[in-house]
């Protein structure tokens, strides 16, 4: 790993968990290592600079999602963020203003970008502390997910898709080791071919393509969250939910938790069979929907 990549990692780590909505100039700032690297930034060729801009964009997205798993960033939002980092690199190279001004403008641009794409964030964090405690989000063991989602690995229909597979793709990799054809989608950058970087609201699930689709505290958790929010994107979630069901092969199943009684109520019982399972002492259930025709 070269010095510039290490530098970006250190910069992200330094600002990790800082509240971008507070007008505190010391909260978010460039660290000494970044300032030193900036002095040599003119040495970069265009291709490598583009790589670093992409890397910075991906790392920033990961950090925002680490803070709050309910943040959503579509392809346009990601492109806008990339432009912010492209402008940052350009302003540093051309020295359009002082480093302090560039730094201040950069974090102001990030705040406006977050406000635009996730308006609820400002309501939550504008009066919060300097350091934000992340919204709980864990990547669970494969065996735990299999138990929660009520999956029988001996009879599972292929191919399998895990929506919100997590950065490590634990469940997908587990299935692959069993010889089961499986893929996963999530908003992280992956090196494995069977793990796909995609926003699930933009992903094309296809028609009668999947034997099994699953999502543990992923898609349905976010759908439920948006359904309860005043500014929630519940209509798009409802459309994508139906797209997922249409992507199932006849006899295929969609396993997810938490359950979504507010939309499950309206499914055609001639087309879909719904089964519910208790999950310990939790106040939500696991749902398994089988496509009948």
C-alpha atoms as a PDB file:
ATOM      1  CA  UNK A   1       0.000   0.000   0.000  1.00  0.00           C
ATOM      2  CA  UNK A   2       1.596   3.314  -1.091  1.00  0.00           C
ATOM      3  CA  UNK A   3       1.883   6.469   0.958  1.00  0.00           C
ATOM      4  CA  UNK A   4      -1.091   8.258  -0.624  1.00  0.00           C
ATOM      5  CA  UNK A   5      -3.506   5.398   0.059  1.00  0.00           C
ATOM      6  CA  UNK A   6      -2.186   5.131   3.628  1.00  0.00           C
ATOM      7  CA  UNK A   7      -2.615   8.868   3.911  1.00  0.00           C
ATOM      8  CA  UNK A   8      -6.260   8.738   2.872  1.00  0.00           C
ATOM      9  CA  UNK A   9      -6.876   5.942   5.376  1.00  0.00           C
ATOM     10  CA  UNK A  10      -5.291   7.980   8.169  1.00  0.00           C
ATOM     11  CA  UNK A  11      -7.304  11.054   7.202  1.00  0.00           C
ATOM     12  CA  UNK A  12     -10.599   9.127   7.234  1.00  0.00           C
ATOM     13  CA  UNK A  13      -9.603   7.512  10.535  1.00  0.00           C
ATOM     14  CA  UNK A  14      -8.816  10.882  12.105  1.00  0.00           C
ATOM     15  CA  UNK A  15     -12.264  12.274  11.250  1.00  0.00           C
ATOM     16  CA  UNK A  16     -13.985   8.998  12.097  1.00  0.00           C
ATOM     17  CA  UNK A  17     -17.254   9.559  13.942  1.00  0.00           C
ATOM     18  CA  UNK A  18     -16.953  13.364  13.937  1.00  0.00           C
ATOM     19  CA  UNK A  19     -20.229  15.283  13.681  1.00  0.00           C
ATOM     20  CA  UNK A  20     -20.193  17.100  10.351  1.00  0.00           C
ATOM     21  CA  UNK A  21     -23.201  19.235  11.318  1.00  0.00           C
ATOM     22  CA  UNK A  22     -21.410  21.120  14.097  1.00  0.00           C
ATOM     23  CA  UNK A  23     -19.786  24.445  13.254  1.00  0.00           C
ATOM     24  CA  UNK A  24     -16.587  23.473  15.007  1.00  0.00           C
ATOM     25  CA  UNK A  25     -13.518  24.143  12.896  1.00  0.00           C
ATOM     26  CA  UNK A  26     -11.434  21.742  14.993  1.00  0.00           C
ATOM     27  CA  UNK A  27     -13.854  18.847  14.637  1.00  0.00           C
ATOM     28  CA  UNK A  28     -13.097  18.069  10.987  1.00  0.00           C
ATOM     29  CA  UNK A  29      -9.725  19.011   9.587  1.00  0.00           C
ATOM     30  CA  UNK A  30      -6.739  17.804   7.593  1.00  0.00           C
ATOM     31  CA  UNK A  31      -4.114  15.975   9.641  1.00  0.00           C
ATOM     32  CA  UNK A  32      -0.383  16.666   9.373  1.00  0.00           C
ATOM     33  CA  UNK A  33       0.195  13.608   7.147  1.00  0.00           C
ATOM     34  CA  UNK A  34      -2.377  14.904   4.675  1.00  0.00           C
ATOM     35  CA  UNK A  35      -0.796  18.339   4.600  1.00  0.00           C
ATOM     36  CA  UNK A  36       2.620  16.791   3.908  1.00  0.00           C
ATOM     37  CA  UNK A  37       1.207  14.649   1.096  1.00  0.00           C
ATOM     38  CA  UNK A  38      -0.508  17.691  -0.412  1.00  0.00           C
ATOM     39  CA  UNK A  39       2.883  19.313  -0.954  1.00  0.00           C
ATOM     40  CA  UNK A  40       3.764  16.488  -3.389  1.00  0.00           C
ATOM     41  CA  UNK A  41       0.379  16.084  -5.072  1.00  0.00           C
ATOM     42  CA  UNK A  42       1.571  17.686  -8.326  1.00  0.00           C
ATOM     43  CA  UNK A  43       3.750  14.627  -8.861  1.00  0.00           C
ATOM     44  CA  UNK A  44       0.698  12.438  -9.544  1.00  0.00           C
ATOM     45  CA  UNK A  45      -0.240  11.452 -13.073  1.00  0.00           C
ATOM     46  CA  UNK A  46      -3.879  11.702 -14.173  1.00  0.00           C
ATOM     47  CA  UNK A  47      -4.661   7.973 -13.994  1.00  0.00           C
ATOM     48  CA  UNK A  48      -3.283   7.634 -10.488  1.00  0.00           C
ATOM     49  CA  UNK A  49      -5.035  10.797  -9.346  1.00  0.00           C
ATOM     50  CA  UNK A  50      -8.338   9.351 -10.636  1.00  0.00           C
ATOM     51  CA  UNK A  51      -7.655   6.168  -8.681  1.00  0.00           C
ATOM     52  CA  UNK A  52      -7.108   8.156  -5.477  1.00  0.00           C
ATOM     53  CA  UNK A  53     -10.272  10.195  -6.056  1.00  0.00           C
ATOM     54  CA  UNK A  54     -12.260   6.966  -6.469  1.00  0.00           C
ATOM     55  CA  UNK A  55     -10.588   5.495  -3.396  1.00  0.00           C
ATOM     56  CA  UNK A  56     -11.390   8.585  -1.313  1.00  0.00           C
ATOM     57  CA  UNK A  57     -15.009   8.485  -2.472  1.00  0.00           C
ATOM     58  CA  UNK A  58     -15.414   4.799  -1.557  1.00  0.00           C
ATOM     59  CA  UNK A  59     -13.787   5.253   1.852  1.00  0.00           C
ATOM     60  CA  UNK A  60     -15.982   8.272   2.642  1.00  0.00           C
ATOM     61  CA  UNK A  61     -19.137   6.333   1.700  1.00  0.00           C
ATOM     62  CA  UNK A  62     -18.042   3.468   3.961  1.00  0.00           C
ATOM     63  CA  UNK A  63     -17.486   5.841   6.869  1.00  0.00           C
ATOM     64  CA  UNK A  64     -20.858   7.556   6.461  1.00  0.00           C
ATOM     65  CA  UNK A  65     -22.575   4.153   6.319  1.00  0.00           C
ATOM     66  CA  UNK A  66     -20.617   2.996   9.383  1.00  0.00           C
ATOM     67  CA  UNK A  67     -22.023   5.933  11.319  1.00  0.00           C
ATOM     68  CA  UNK A  68     -25.583   5.355  10.185  1.00  0.00           C
ATOM     69  CA  UNK A  69     -26.582   2.236   8.267  1.00  0.00           C
ATOM     70  CA  UNK A  70     -29.797   3.978   7.166  1.00  0.00           C
ATOM     71  CA  UNK A  71     -27.950   6.506   5.036  1.00  0.00           C
ATOM     72  CA  UNK A  72     -28.670   5.845   1.368  1.00  0.00           C
ATOM     73  CA  UNK A  73     -26.523   6.936  -1.557  1.00  0.00           C
ATOM     74  CA  UNK A  74     -27.610   6.194  -5.112  1.00  0.00           C
ATOM     75  CA  UNK A  75     -25.349   6.371  -8.159  1.00  0.00           C
ATOM     76  CA  UNK A  76     -26.004  10.111  -8.586  1.00  0.00           C
ATOM     77  CA  UNK A  77     -25.053  10.769  -4.964  1.00  0.00           C
ATOM     78  CA  UNK A  78     -21.841   8.777  -5.394  1.00  0.00           C
ATOM     79  CA  UNK A  79     -21.014  10.689  -8.563  1.00  0.00           C
ATOM     80  CA  UNK A  80     -21.626  14.001  -6.779  1.00  0.00           C
ATOM     81  CA  UNK A  81     -19.337  12.909  -3.950  1.00  0.00           C
ATOM     82  CA  UNK A  82     -16.655  11.936  -6.439  1.00  0.00           C
ATOM     83  CA  UNK A  83     -16.910  15.444  -7.920  1.00  0.00           C
ATOM     84  CA  UNK A  84     -16.368  16.906  -4.454  1.00  0.00           C
ATOM     85  CA  UNK A  85     -13.132  14.945  -4.100  1.00  0.00           C
ATOM     86  CA  UNK A  86     -12.126  15.759  -7.664  1.00  0.00           C
ATOM     87  CA  UNK A  87     -12.566  19.462  -6.882  1.00  0.00           C
ATOM     88  CA  UNK A  88     -10.561  19.018  -3.681  1.00  0.00           C
ATOM     89  CA  UNK A  89      -7.611  17.516  -5.557  1.00  0.00           C
ATOM     90  CA  UNK A  90      -7.848  20.205  -8.242  1.00  0.00           C
ATOM     91  CA  UNK A  91      -7.994  23.054  -5.723  1.00  0.00           C
ATOM     92  CA  UNK A  92      -5.005  21.670  -3.868  1.00  0.00           C
ATOM     93  CA  UNK A  93      -2.964  21.308  -7.070  1.00  0.00           C
ATOM     94  CA  UNK A  94      -3.815  24.762  -8.412  1.00  0.00           C
ATOM     95  CA  UNK A  95      -3.616  26.451  -4.983  1.00  0.00           C
ATOM     96  CA  UNK A  96      -6.729  28.528  -5.734  1.00  0.00           C
ATOM     97  CA  UNK A  97      -6.791  29.652  -2.107  1.00  0.00           C
ATOM     98  CA  UNK A  98      -5.163  28.971   1.237  1.00  0.00           C
ATOM     99  CA  UNK A  99      -5.101  25.437   2.604  1.00  0.00           C
ATOM    100  CA  UNK A 100      -7.344  26.547   5.477  1.00  0.00           C
ATOM    101  CA  UNK A 101      -9.963  27.846   3.025  1.00  0.00           C
ATOM    102  CA  UNK A 102      -9.778  24.695   0.899  1.00  0.00           C
ATOM    103  CA  UNK A 103     -10.199  22.593   4.030  1.00  0.00           C
ATOM    104  CA  UNK A 104     -13.203  24.629   5.251  1.00  0.00           C
ATOM    105  CA  UNK A 105     -14.904  24.571   1.837  1.00  0.00           C
ATOM    106  CA  UNK A 106     -14.360  20.821   1.463  1.00  0.00           C
ATOM    107  CA  UNK A 107     -16.110  19.939   4.698  1.00  0.00           C
ATOM    108  CA  UNK A 108     -18.879  22.427   3.943  1.00  0.00           C
ATOM    109  CA  UNK A 109     -19.382  20.682   0.603  1.00  0.00           C
ATOM    110  CA  UNK A 110     -19.539  17.297   2.354  1.00  0.00           C
ATOM    111  CA  UNK A 111     -22.135  18.589   4.808  1.00  0.00           C
ATOM    112  CA  UNK A 112     -24.334  20.002   2.025  1.00  0.00           C
ATOM    113  CA  UNK A 113     -23.996  16.749   0.088  1.00  0.00           C
ATOM    114  CA  UNK A 114     -25.129  14.719   3.107  1.00  0.00           C
ATOM    115  CA  UNK A 115     -28.017  17.140   3.773  1.00  0.00           C
ATOM    116  CA  UNK A 116     -29.200  16.772   0.187  1.00  0.00           C
ATOM    117  CA  UNK A 117     -29.094  12.976   0.074  1.00  0.00           C
ATOM    118  CA  UNK A 118     -30.199  12.214   3.635  1.00  0.00           C
ATOM    119  CA  UNK A 119     -32.193  15.188   4.998  1.00  0.00           C
ATOM    120  CA  UNK A 120     -33.081  13.342   8.207  1.00  0.00           C
ATOM    121  CA  UNK A 121     -29.409  13.353   9.237  1.00  0.00           C
ATOM    122  CA  UNK A 122     -29.395  17.049  10.111  1.00  0.00           C
ATOM    123  CA  UNK A 123     -32.493  16.621  12.292  1.00  0.00           C
ATOM    124  CA  UNK A 124     -30.751  13.861  14.227  1.00  0.00           C
ATOM    125  CA  UNK A 125     -27.241  15.277  14.546  1.00  0.00           C
ATOM    126  CA  UNK A 126     -27.501  19.098  14.488  1.00  0.00           C
ATOM    127  CA  UNK A 127     -27.716  19.166  18.302  1.00  0.00           C
ATOM    128  CA  UNK A 128     -25.673  16.050  18.969  1.00  0.00           C
ATOM    129  CA  UNK A 129     -22.209  15.759  20.477  1.00  0.00           C
ATOM    130  CA  UNK A 130     -18.946  16.221  18.571  1.00  0.00           C
ATOM    131  CA  UNK A 131     -18.418  12.461  18.389  1.00  0.00           C
ATOM    132  CA  UNK A 132     -21.325  10.411  17.070  1.00  0.00           C
ATOM    133  CA  UNK A 133     -22.076   6.915  18.268  1.00  0.00           C
ATOM    134  CA  UNK A 134     -22.734   4.707  15.229  1.00  0.00           C
ATOM    135  CA  UNK A 135     -26.155   3.158  14.686  1.00  0.00           C
ATOM    136  CA  UNK A 136     -25.716  -0.514  15.536  1.00  0.00           C
ATOM    137  CA  UNK A 137     -24.966  -2.630  12.474  1.00  0.00           C
ATOM    138  CA  UNK A 138     -23.252  -6.001  12.668  1.00  0.00           C
ATOM    139  CA  UNK A 139     -22.101  -8.579  10.151  1.00  0.00           C
ATOM    140  CA  UNK A 140     -23.332 -11.847  11.588  1.00  0.00           C
ATOM    141  CA  UNK A 141     -21.898 -15.346  11.289  1.00  0.00           C
ATOM    142  CA  UNK A 142     -23.253 -17.447   8.443  1.00  0.00           C
ATOM    143  CA  UNK A 143     -24.663 -20.162  10.716  1.00  0.00           C
ATOM    144  CA  UNK A 144     -26.521 -17.560  12.795  1.00  0.00           C
ATOM    145  CA  UNK A 145     -28.097 -16.019   9.682  1.00  0.00           C
ATOM    146  CA  UNK A 146     -29.091 -19.427   8.334  1.00  0.00           C
ATOM    147  CA  UNK A 147     -30.865 -20.171  11.599  1.00  0.00           C
ATOM    148  CA  UNK A 148     -32.654 -16.800  11.761  1.00  0.00           C
ATOM    149  CA  UNK A 149     -33.727 -16.893   8.110  1.00  0.00           C
ATOM    150  CA  UNK A 150     -34.916 -20.521   8.305  1.00  0.00           C
ATOM    151  CA  UNK A 151     -32.787 -21.774   5.429  1.00  0.00           C
ATOM    152  CA  UNK A 152     -32.272 -25.457   4.675  1.00  0.00           C
ATOM    153  CA  UNK A 153     -28.926 -25.732   2.891  1.00  0.00           C
ATOM    154  CA  UNK A 154     -29.779 -29.251   1.698  1.00  0.00           C
ATOM    155  CA  UNK A 155     -32.889 -28.224  -0.217  1.00  0.00           C
ATOM    156  CA  UNK A 156     -32.103 -24.600  -1.072  1.00  0.00           C
ATOM    157  CA  UNK A 157     -32.955 -23.611  -4.652  1.00  0.00           C
ATOM    158  CA  UNK A 158     -30.164 -22.039  -6.710  1.00  0.00           C
ATOM    159  CA  UNK A 159     -28.950 -19.541  -7.621  1.00  0.00           C
ATOM    160  CA  UNK A 160     -28.909 -17.662  -4.321  1.00  0.00           C
ATOM    161  CA  UNK A 161     -28.765 -13.888  -3.776  1.00  0.00           C
ATOM    162  CA  UNK A 162     -27.971 -12.211  -0.451  1.00  0.00           C
ATOM    163  CA  UNK A 163     -29.231  -8.608  -0.344  1.00  0.00           C
ATOM    164  CA  UNK A 164     -27.013  -6.583   2.003  1.00  0.00           C
ATOM    165  CA  UNK A 165     -24.366  -9.292   2.190  1.00  0.00           C
ATOM    166  CA  UNK A 166     -21.943  -7.192   4.257  1.00  0.00           C
ATOM    167  CA  UNK A 167     -18.356  -6.269   3.532  1.00  0.00           C
ATOM    168  CA  UNK A 168     -17.084  -9.800   4.231  1.00  0.00           C
ATOM    169  CA  UNK A 169     -19.924 -11.599   2.458  1.00  0.00           C
ATOM    170  CA  UNK A 170     -20.002 -14.266   5.187  1.00  0.00           C
ATOM    171  CA  UNK A 171     -23.198 -15.980   4.068  1.00  0.00           C
ATOM    172  CA  UNK A 172     -22.333 -15.895   0.363  1.00  0.00           C
ATOM    173  CA  UNK A 173     -18.879 -17.357   0.966  1.00  0.00           C
ATOM    174  CA  UNK A 174     -20.377 -20.044   3.192  1.00  0.00           C
ATOM    175  CA  UNK A 175     -22.735 -21.135   0.434  1.00  0.00           C
ATOM    176  CA  UNK A 176     -19.974 -21.105  -2.162  1.00  0.00           C
ATOM    177  CA  UNK A 177     -17.864 -23.421  -0.008  1.00  0.00           C
ATOM    178  CA  UNK A 178     -20.811 -25.826  -0.009  1.00  0.00           C
ATOM    179  CA  UNK A 179     -20.861 -25.738  -3.805  1.00  0.00           C
ATOM    180  CA  UNK A 180     -24.016 -23.609  -3.913  1.00  0.00           C
ATOM    181  CA  UNK A 181     -24.149 -20.906  -6.585  1.00  0.00           C
ATOM    182  CA  UNK A 182     -24.471 -17.650  -4.639  1.00  0.00           C
ATOM    183  CA  UNK A 183     -23.970 -13.930  -5.085  1.00  0.00           C
ATOM    184  CA  UNK A 184     -24.292 -10.949  -2.793  1.00  0.00           C
ATOM    185  CA  UNK A 185     -24.910  -7.229  -3.228  1.00  0.00           C
ATOM    186  CA  UNK A 186     -24.010  -4.372  -0.928  1.00  0.00           C
ATOM    187  CA  UNK A 187     -22.675  -0.824  -1.100  1.00  0.00           C
ATOM    188  CA  UNK A 188     -19.060  -1.776  -0.441  1.00  0.00           C
ATOM    189  CA  UNK A 189     -16.242  -2.209  -2.948  1.00  0.00           C
ATOM    190  CA  UNK A 190     -15.398  -5.868  -3.447  1.00  0.00           C
ATOM    191  CA  UNK A 191     -12.592  -7.824  -5.071  1.00  0.00           C
ATOM    192  CA  UNK A 192     -14.563 -11.096  -5.348  1.00  0.00           C
ATOM    193  CA  UNK A 193     -16.613 -11.660  -8.512  1.00  0.00           C
ATOM    194  CA  UNK A 194     -19.590 -13.054  -6.599  1.00  0.00           C
ATOM    195  CA  UNK A 195     -19.897  -9.917  -4.407  1.00  0.00           C
ATOM    196  CA  UNK A 196     -21.408  -6.952  -6.236  1.00  0.00           C
ATOM    197  CA  UNK A 197     -21.135  -3.271  -5.350  1.00  0.00           C
ATOM    198  CA  UNK A 198     -24.654  -1.929  -5.841  1.00  0.00           C
ATOM    199  CA  UNK A 199     -27.449   0.018  -4.188  1.00  0.00           C
ATOM    200  CA  UNK A 200     -30.332  -2.435  -3.840  1.00  0.00           C
ATOM    201  CA  UNK A 201     -32.815   0.196  -5.039  1.00  0.00           C
ATOM    202  CA  UNK A 202     -30.877   0.446  -8.307  1.00  0.00           C
ATOM    203  CA  UNK A 203     -29.994  -3.221  -8.759  1.00  0.00           C
ATOM    204  CA  UNK A 204     -31.738  -5.118 -11.569  1.00  0.00           C
ATOM    205  CA  UNK A 205     -32.956  -8.325  -9.912  1.00  0.00           C
ATOM    206  CA  UNK A 206     -34.275  -9.722 -13.181  1.00  0.00           C
ATOM    207  CA  UNK A 207     -37.369 -11.850 -13.826  1.00  0.00           C
ATOM    208  CA  UNK A 208     -37.609 -15.438 -12.538  1.00  0.00           C
ATOM    209  CA  UNK A 209     -33.840 -15.423 -12.091  1.00  0.00           C
ATOM    210  CA  UNK A 210     -33.219 -16.458  -8.467  1.00  0.00           C
ATOM    211  CA  UNK A 211     -34.070 -19.662  -6.666  1.00  0.00           C
ATOM    212  CA  UNK A 212     -33.513 -18.084  -3.266  1.00  0.00           C
ATOM    213  CA  UNK A 213     -33.229 -14.451  -2.179  1.00  0.00           C
ATOM    214  CA  UNK A 214     -32.398 -13.560   1.424  1.00  0.00           C
ATOM    215  CA  UNK A 215     -31.711 -10.541   3.573  1.00  0.00           C
ATOM    216  CA  UNK A 216     -30.999 -10.535   7.296  1.00  0.00           C
ATOM    217  CA  UNK A 217     -31.607  -7.123   8.900  1.00  0.00           C
ATOM    218  CA  UNK A 218     -30.956  -5.631   5.489  1.00  0.00           C
ATOM    219  CA  UNK A 219     -33.526  -4.723   2.858  1.00  0.00           C
ATOM    220  CA  UNK A 220     -36.637  -5.248   5.018  1.00  0.00           C
ATOM    221  CA  UNK A 221     -35.047  -3.426   7.956  1.00  0.00           C
ATOM    222  CA  UNK A 222     -34.445  -0.371   5.778  1.00  0.00           C
ATOM    223  CA  UNK A 223     -37.893  -0.674   4.166  1.00  0.00           C
ATOM    224  CA  UNK A 224     -39.448  -0.627   7.633  1.00  0.00           C
ATOM    225  CA  UNK A 225     -37.313   2.369   8.604  1.00  0.00           C
ATOM    226  CA  UNK A 226     -38.352   4.347   5.500  1.00  0.00           C
ATOM    227  CA  UNK A 227     -42.008   3.423   6.007  1.00  0.00           C
ATOM    228  CA  UNK A 228     -41.915   5.037   9.468  1.00  0.00           C
ATOM    229  CA  UNK A 229     -40.105   8.205   8.386  1.00  0.00           C
ATOM    230  CA  UNK A 230     -41.934  11.334   7.226  1.00  0.00           C
ATOM    231  CA  UNK A 231     -39.406  11.785   4.418  1.00  0.00           C
ATOM    232  CA  UNK A 232     -38.958   8.055   3.839  1.00  0.00           C
ATOM    233  CA  UNK A 233     -38.517   6.581   0.379  1.00  0.00           C
ATOM    234  CA  UNK A 234     -41.170   3.945   1.077  1.00  0.00           C
ATOM    235  CA  UNK A 235     -42.734   4.020  -2.406  1.00  0.00           C
ATOM    236  CA  UNK A 236     -39.468   3.050  -4.107  1.00  0.00           C
ATOM    237  CA  UNK A 237     -38.928   0.370  -1.462  1.00  0.00           C
ATOM    238  CA  UNK A 238     -42.390  -1.054  -2.124  1.00  0.00           C
ATOM    239  CA  UNK A 239     -41.694  -1.160  -5.860  1.00  0.00           C
ATOM    240  CA  UNK A 240     -38.346  -2.865  -5.310  1.00  0.00           C
ATOM    241  CA  UNK A 241     -39.937  -5.347  -2.895  1.00  0.00           C
ATOM    242  CA  UNK A 242     -42.298  -6.446  -5.665  1.00  0.00           C
ATOM    243  CA  UNK A 243     -39.370  -6.573  -8.108  1.00  0.00           C
ATOM    244  CA  UNK A 244     -37.613  -8.982  -5.748  1.00  0.00           C
ATOM    245  CA  UNK A 245     -40.660 -11.244  -5.618  1.00  0.00           C
ATOM    246  CA  UNK A 246     -40.918 -11.195  -9.421  1.00  0.00           C
ATOM    247  CA  UNK A 247     -37.237 -12.152  -9.628  1.00  0.00           C
ATOM    248  CA  UNK A 248     -37.952 -15.477  -7.915  1.00  0.00           C
ATOM    249  CA  UNK A 249     -38.245 -18.627  -9.975  1.00  0.00           C
ATOM    250  CA  UNK A 250     -41.498 -20.548  -9.577  1.00  0.00           C
ATOM    251  CA  UNK A 251     -41.025 -22.385  -6.283  1.00  0.00           C
ATOM    252  CA  UNK A 252     -38.317 -19.947  -5.207  1.00  0.00           C
ATOM    253  CA  UNK A 253     -38.289 -18.249  -1.813  1.00  0.00           C
ATOM    254  CA  UNK A 254     -37.534 -14.843  -0.321  1.00  0.00           C
ATOM    255  CA  UNK A 255     -36.243 -15.135   3.281  1.00  0.00           C
ATOM    256  CA  UNK A 256     -35.996 -11.951   5.327  1.00  0.00           C
ATOM    257  CA  UNK A 257     -36.067 -10.463   8.789  1.00  0.00           C
ATOM    258  CA  UNK A 258     -37.629  -8.336  10.152  1.00  0.00           C
ATOM    259  CA  UNK A 259     -41.033  -9.118   8.689  1.00  0.00           C
ATOM    260  CA  UNK A 260     -43.082  -6.507   6.826  1.00  0.00           C
ATOM    261  CA  UNK A 261     -46.742  -7.006   7.777  1.00  0.00           C
ATOM    262  CA  UNK A 262     -47.769  -3.634   6.300  1.00  0.00           C
ATOM    263  CA  UNK A 263     -47.069  -4.875   2.757  1.00  0.00           C
ATOM    264  CA  UNK A 264     -47.317  -8.651   3.189  1.00  0.00           C
ATOM    265  CA  UNK A 265     -51.011  -8.139   3.944  1.00  0.00           C
ATOM    266  CA  UNK A 266     -51.639  -7.121   0.329  1.00  0.00           C
ATOM    267  CA  UNK A 267     -49.819  -9.961  -1.470  1.00  0.00           C
ATOM    268  CA  UNK A 268     -51.848 -12.212  -3.748  1.00  0.00           C
ATOM    269  CA  UNK A 269     -52.269 -15.483  -1.831  1.00  0.00           C
ATOM    270  CA  UNK A 270     -52.780 -17.334  -5.108  1.00  0.00           C
ATOM    271  CA  UNK A 271     -49.315 -16.272  -6.196  1.00  0.00           C
ATOM    272  CA  UNK A 272     -47.369 -16.185  -2.932  1.00  0.00           C
ATOM    273  CA  UNK A 273     -47.342 -18.383   0.163  1.00  0.00           C
ATOM    274  CA  UNK A 274     -46.273 -16.559   3.338  1.00  0.00           C
ATOM    275  CA  UNK A 275     -44.769 -18.300   6.373  1.00  0.00           C
ATOM    276  CA  UNK A 276     -43.776 -16.548   9.615  1.00  0.00           C
ATOM    277  CA  UNK A 277     -41.336 -17.644  12.313  1.00  0.00           C
ATOM    278  CA  UNK A 278     -40.680 -16.299  15.799  1.00  0.00           C
ATOM    279  CA  UNK A 279     -37.134 -15.100  16.565  1.00  0.00           C
ATOM    280  CA  UNK A 280     -36.480 -15.660  20.254  1.00  0.00           C
ATOM    281  CA  UNK A 281     -37.886 -12.816  22.345  1.00  0.00           C
ATOM    282  CA  UNK A 282     -37.708 -10.203  19.581  1.00  0.00           C
ATOM    283  CA  UNK A 283     -40.839  -8.248  18.671  1.00  0.00           C
ATOM    284  CA  UNK A 284     -40.387  -9.007  14.962  1.00  0.00           C
ATOM    285  CA  UNK A 285     -40.443 -12.222  12.967  1.00  0.00           C
ATOM    286  CA  UNK A 286     -38.760 -13.921  10.039  1.00  0.00           C
ATOM    287  CA  UNK A 287     -40.801 -14.090   6.855  1.00  0.00           C
ATOM    288  CA  UNK A 288     -40.378 -16.693   4.109  1.00  0.00           C
ATOM    289  CA  UNK A 289     -42.324 -16.063   0.924  1.00  0.00           C
ATOM    290  CA  UNK A 290     -42.616 -18.821  -1.676  1.00  0.00           C
ATOM    291  CA  UNK A 291     -43.572 -17.949  -5.222  1.00  0.00           C
ATOM    292  CA  UNK A 292     -46.331 -20.318  -6.348  1.00  0.00           C
ATOM    293  CA  UNK A 293     -46.827 -19.219  -9.944  1.00  0.00           C
END
